């Protein structure tokens, strides 16, 4: 199989376009989280974020643009999963390529979810996850499987928190010094930390759903955000998470300019 130049201008432009849409998604998620914190009814999941985008002027066109961006990111990460991450060696390269393959799935699922919103699908991501969890829990050993998935999501959230606070994302950026570098690092730290907290709570709720045999606890990001809002001082914590998601949107803007195409 002929190797592909993962630092080519074509792939670099593909990633740049992709991060524009990914930033818009996180900006919409930040808005949804803020609405929940302020006590306004909102779907705190990806479907809710996509619906928020769809409600804007020229919203349908905007949503199709985001779908195209997510597909672009999926193609870029698929290329990296096969030929990329040459700046690492051995097991580290294998791990990075596995992570890229996982991101392909994530981006395609997000694009599919956005597509369903465009076509007017009535169910939200939270409702679909709750139904899927109920179906799985009805099967032999299903409760244990849900619990294991919850532990996996919880571990992912903790890992994302660590990834951000330790600035592990920094090596994927290339720029000189100055204010841009400092601002990008701060936005990445805050953004990854906020996402880590949200995913960690979602994973904990999945584990709780398994322990209590209650699929209603399993509504993904929507349940996580509403759970935070229901705690003492939860409104302020949720507003902090919303600001963190907005910071990640800003970090996506920096990635448009400074992200290495081959890593």
Protein backbone atom coordinates (compact mmCIF):
# COMPACT_ATOMS: atom_id res chain seq x y z
CA UNK A 1 0.00 0.00 0.00
CA UNK A 2 1.45 3.34 -1.06
CA UNK A 3 2.09 5.67 1.86
CA UNK A 4 0.19 8.93 1.95
CA UNK A 5 1.85 12.20 2.85
CA UNK A 6 -0.09 13.09 6.00
CA UNK A 7 1.43 16.59 6.03
CA UNK A 8 0.18 17.39 2.53
CA UNK A 9 -1.63 20.71 1.91
CA UNK A 10 -4.80 18.79 1.00
CA UNK A 11 -4.99 16.98 4.36
CA UNK A 12 -3.97 20.12 6.21
CA UNK A 13 -6.83 22.04 4.60
CA UNK A 14 -9.20 19.15 5.35
CA UNK A 15 -8.35 19.32 9.04
CA UNK A 16 -8.62 23.12 9.08
CA UNK A 17 -12.11 23.08 7.61
CA UNK A 18 -13.07 20.29 10.01
CA UNK A 19 -12.05 22.18 13.13
CA UNK A 20 -14.24 25.13 12.14
CA UNK A 21 -17.32 22.92 12.35
CA UNK A 22 -16.09 21.15 15.49
CA UNK A 23 -15.66 24.52 17.15
CA UNK A 24 -19.21 25.52 16.20
CA UNK A 25 -20.51 22.29 17.77
CA UNK A 26 -18.76 23.00 21.07
CA UNK A 27 -19.93 26.60 21.04
CA UNK A 28 -23.50 25.31 20.69
CA UNK A 29 -22.91 22.79 23.51
CA UNK A 30 -21.66 25.64 25.69
CA UNK A 31 -24.84 27.62 24.95
CA UNK A 32 -27.03 24.62 25.79
CA UNK A 33 -25.17 24.03 29.08
CA UNK A 34 -25.60 27.70 29.99
CA UNK A 35 -29.35 27.49 29.27
CA UNK A 36 -29.67 24.51 31.61
CA UNK A 37 -27.70 26.36 34.29
CA UNK A 38 -30.09 29.29 34.01
CA UNK A 39 -33.08 27.01 34.48
CA UNK A 40 -34.31 27.08 30.91
CA UNK A 41 -35.49 23.93 29.22
CA UNK A 42 -32.85 22.53 26.87
CA UNK A 43 -31.52 19.25 25.57
CA UNK A 44 -28.05 18.94 27.03
CA UNK A 45 -26.70 16.57 24.40
CA UNK A 46 -25.31 16.65 20.87
CA UNK A 47 -28.81 16.65 19.38
CA UNK A 48 -29.66 19.71 21.46
CA UNK A 49 -26.52 21.44 20.24
CA UNK A 50 -27.28 20.62 16.62
CA UNK A 51 -30.86 21.85 17.04
CA UNK A 52 -29.49 25.08 18.49
CA UNK A 53 -27.41 25.54 15.34
CA UNK A 54 -30.40 24.67 13.16
CA UNK A 55 -32.46 27.42 14.82
CA UNK A 56 -30.03 30.12 13.74
CA UNK A 57 -30.44 32.18 10.55
CA UNK A 58 -29.67 29.88 7.63
CA UNK A 59 -29.52 27.14 10.28
CA UNK A 60 -30.09 24.23 7.91
CA UNK A 61 -27.22 25.32 5.69
CA UNK A 62 -25.08 25.86 8.78
CA UNK A 63 -25.86 22.35 9.98
CA UNK A 64 -24.99 20.84 6.60
CA UNK A 65 -21.71 22.74 6.78
CA UNK A 66 -21.00 21.24 10.24
CA UNK A 67 -21.81 17.77 8.88
CA UNK A 68 -19.32 18.31 6.05
CA UNK A 69 -16.74 19.47 8.60
CA UNK A 70 -17.24 16.37 10.75
CA UNK A 71 -16.89 14.10 7.71
CA UNK A 72 -13.69 15.99 6.80
CA UNK A 73 -12.30 15.32 10.27
CA UNK A 74 -13.27 11.64 9.97
CA UNK A 75 -11.42 11.33 6.63
CA UNK A 76 -8.37 13.11 8.07
CA UNK A 77 -8.26 10.84 11.12
CA UNK A 78 -8.79 7.74 8.96
CA UNK A 79 -5.68 8.67 6.99
CA UNK A 80 -3.76 9.20 10.24
CA UNK A 81 -4.97 5.85 11.57
CA UNK A 82 -3.31 4.13 8.61
CA UNK A 83 -0.28 6.28 7.75
CA UNK A 84 0.03 9.02 10.37
CA UNK A 85 1.73 9.77 13.68
CA UNK A 86 5.20 9.27 12.27
CA UNK A 87 6.60 11.59 14.90
CA UNK A 88 6.18 8.73 17.39
CA UNK A 89 7.58 5.20 17.46
CA UNK A 90 6.63 1.70 18.59
CA UNK A 91 3.74 1.28 20.97
CA UNK A 92 3.14 5.02 21.13
CA UNK A 93 2.54 5.15 17.37
CA UNK A 94 0.20 2.17 17.60
CA UNK A 95 -1.74 3.82 20.43
CA UNK A 96 -2.04 7.10 18.52
CA UNK A 97 -3.31 5.28 15.43
CA UNK A 98 -5.87 3.41 17.53
CA UNK A 99 -7.04 6.72 19.00
CA UNK A 100 -7.32 8.16 15.48
CA UNK A 101 -9.45 5.18 14.43
CA UNK A 102 -11.69 5.80 17.46
CA UNK A 103 -12.03 9.47 16.50
CA UNK A 104 -13.20 8.41 13.04
CA UNK A 105 -16.14 6.64 14.69
CA UNK A 106 -16.87 9.60 16.97
CA UNK A 107 -16.90 12.12 14.12
CA UNK A 108 -19.07 9.91 11.92
CA UNK A 109 -21.56 9.31 14.75
CA UNK A 110 -21.75 13.06 15.34
CA UNK A 111 -22.28 13.66 11.62
CA UNK A 112 -25.01 11.00 11.60
CA UNK A 113 -26.68 12.63 14.63
CA UNK A 114 -26.58 16.02 12.92
CA UNK A 115 -28.04 14.46 9.78
CA UNK A 116 -30.97 13.10 11.75
CA UNK A 117 -31.61 16.57 13.18
CA UNK A 118 -31.62 18.04 9.66
CA UNK A 119 -34.14 15.44 8.53
CA UNK A 120 -36.38 16.12 11.52
CA UNK A 121 -35.83 12.96 13.59
CA UNK A 122 -38.01 13.25 16.71
CA UNK A 123 -35.72 11.47 19.19
CA UNK A 124 -32.76 13.08 20.91
CA UNK A 125 -29.40 11.43 21.53
CA UNK A 126 -30.33 11.12 25.21
CA UNK A 127 -33.57 9.25 24.41
CA UNK A 128 -31.76 6.90 22.05
CA UNK A 129 -29.08 6.14 24.62
CA UNK A 130 -31.68 5.48 27.30
CA UNK A 131 -33.52 3.05 25.02
CA UNK A 132 -30.29 1.33 24.01
CA UNK A 133 -29.29 0.94 27.67
CA UNK A 134 -32.71 -0.48 28.55
CA UNK A 135 -32.42 -3.00 25.71
CA UNK A 136 -28.94 -4.04 26.79
CA UNK A 137 -29.89 -4.34 30.44
CA UNK A 138 -32.72 -6.69 29.50
CA UNK A 139 -30.22 -9.21 28.13
CA UNK A 140 -28.21 -11.75 30.16
CA UNK A 141 -25.27 -10.01 31.83
CA UNK A 142 -26.51 -6.77 30.29
CA UNK A 143 -26.35 -4.90 33.59
CA UNK A 144 -22.69 -5.86 33.95
CA UNK A 145 -21.97 -4.71 30.40
CA UNK A 146 -23.61 -1.35 31.06
CA UNK A 147 -21.53 -1.02 34.22
CA UNK A 148 -18.33 -1.81 32.31
CA UNK A 149 -19.20 0.74 29.62
CA UNK A 150 -19.85 3.28 32.36
CA UNK A 151 -16.46 2.59 33.91
CA UNK A 152 -14.89 3.01 30.48
CA UNK A 153 -16.59 6.37 29.95
CA UNK A 154 -15.60 7.45 33.46
CA UNK A 155 -11.98 6.47 32.78
CA UNK A 156 -12.15 8.35 29.47
CA UNK A 157 -13.36 11.47 31.26
CA UNK A 158 -10.56 11.24 33.84
CA UNK A 159 -8.06 10.66 31.03
CA UNK A 160 -9.31 13.72 29.14
CA UNK A 161 -9.05 15.81 32.31
CA UNK A 162 -5.45 14.62 32.82
CA UNK A 163 -4.67 15.14 29.12
CA UNK A 164 -5.75 18.74 29.35
CA UNK A 165 -4.24 19.69 32.71
CA UNK A 166 -0.89 18.11 31.77
CA UNK A 167 -0.93 19.92 28.40
CA UNK A 168 -0.42 16.67 26.48
CA UNK A 169 -2.19 18.25 23.49
CA UNK A 170 0.59 20.82 23.14
CA UNK A 171 2.85 18.55 21.08
CA UNK A 172 0.17 18.40 18.37
CA UNK A 173 0.52 22.14 17.79
CA UNK A 174 3.29 23.94 15.96
CA UNK A 175 3.95 27.63 16.39
CA UNK A 176 6.55 29.96 17.81
CA UNK A 177 6.23 31.69 21.12
CA UNK A 178 4.20 34.73 22.01
CA UNK A 179 0.63 35.31 23.01
CA UNK A 180 -0.90 32.86 20.53
CA UNK A 181 0.91 29.92 22.10
CA UNK A 182 -0.06 30.93 25.63
CA UNK A 183 -3.70 31.56 24.71
CA UNK A 184 -3.99 28.27 22.82
CA UNK A 185 -2.56 26.31 25.76
CA UNK A 186 -4.91 27.96 28.25
CA UNK A 187 -7.93 27.39 26.02
CA UNK A 188 -6.94 23.75 25.54
CA UNK A 189 -6.40 23.16 29.25
CA UNK A 190 -9.74 24.65 30.26
CA UNK A 191 -11.59 23.04 27.35
CA UNK A 192 -10.27 19.51 27.88
CA UNK A 193 -10.84 19.80 31.63
CA UNK A 194 -14.49 20.80 31.13
CA UNK A 195 -15.08 17.96 28.67
CA UNK A 196 -13.36 15.53 31.04
CA UNK A 197 -15.64 16.51 33.91
CA UNK A 198 -18.76 16.17 31.73
CA UNK A 199 -17.76 12.75 30.40
CA UNK A 200 -16.72 11.61 33.87
CA UNK A 201 -20.16 12.44 35.26
CA UNK A 202 -21.84 10.71 32.30
CA UNK A 203 -19.76 7.59 33.00
CA UNK A 204 -20.62 7.68 36.69
CA UNK A 205 -24.32 7.90 35.84
CA UNK A 206 -23.99 4.86 33.56
CA UNK A 207 -22.46 2.92 36.44
CA UNK A 208 -25.28 4.14 38.70
CA UNK A 209 -27.82 3.01 36.08
CA UNK A 210 -26.30 -0.47 36.19
CA UNK A 211 -26.15 -0.62 39.99
CA UNK A 212 -29.76 0.56 40.39
CA UNK A 213 -31.00 -1.23 37.24
CA UNK A 214 -32.44 2.09 36.11
CA UNK A 215 -31.97 2.95 32.40
CA UNK A 216 -33.37 6.41 33.10
CA UNK A 217 -30.01 7.32 34.60
CA UNK A 218 -28.37 6.66 31.24
CA UNK A 219 -28.94 9.74 29.10
CA UNK A 220 -25.34 10.61 28.33
CA UNK A 221 -24.26 14.24 28.33
CA UNK A 222 -27.85 15.44 28.84
CA UNK A 223 -28.10 13.57 32.16
CA UNK A 224 -24.63 14.72 33.19
CA UNK A 225 -25.43 18.41 32.69
CA UNK A 226 -28.84 18.20 34.36
CA UNK A 227 -27.31 16.25 37.28
CA UNK A 228 -24.75 19.00 37.81
CA UNK A 229 -27.49 21.64 37.68
CA UNK A 230 -29.40 19.82 40.42
CA UNK A 231 -26.55 19.92 42.94
CA UNK A 232 -25.90 22.60 45.57
CA UNK A 233 -24.14 25.42 43.72
CA UNK A 234 -24.63 23.29 40.61
CA UNK A 235 -25.71 26.31 38.57
CA UNK A 236 -22.29 27.90 39.03
CA UNK A 237 -20.44 24.67 38.31
CA UNK A 238 -22.49 24.17 35.16
CA UNK A 239 -21.78 27.72 34.04
CA UNK A 240 -18.09 26.94 34.57
CA UNK A 241 -18.48 23.83 32.38
CA UNK A 242 -20.24 25.96 29.76
CA UNK A 243 -17.33 28.40 29.78
CA UNK A 244 -14.97 25.44 29.47
CA UNK A 245 -16.83 24.13 26.42
CA UNK A 246 -16.65 27.61 24.92
CA UNK A 247 -12.92 27.60 25.65
CA UNK A 248 -12.62 24.34 23.72
CA UNK A 249 -14.39 26.03 20.80
CA UNK A 250 -11.70 28.73 20.95
CA UNK A 251 -9.04 26.00 21.06
CA UNK A 252 -10.54 24.57 17.86
CA UNK A 253 -9.95 27.96 16.24
CA UNK A 254 -6.29 27.76 17.26
CA UNK A 255 -6.15 24.24 15.81
CA UNK A 256 -7.34 25.61 12.47
CA UNK A 257 -4.11 27.61 12.34
CA UNK A 258 -1.59 25.63 14.38
CA UNK A 259 -2.55 21.93 14.39
CA UNK A 260 0.03 19.59 12.86
CA UNK A 261 -1.60 17.79 9.95
CA UNK A 262 0.25 14.52 10.53
CA UNK A 263 -0.49 14.01 14.23
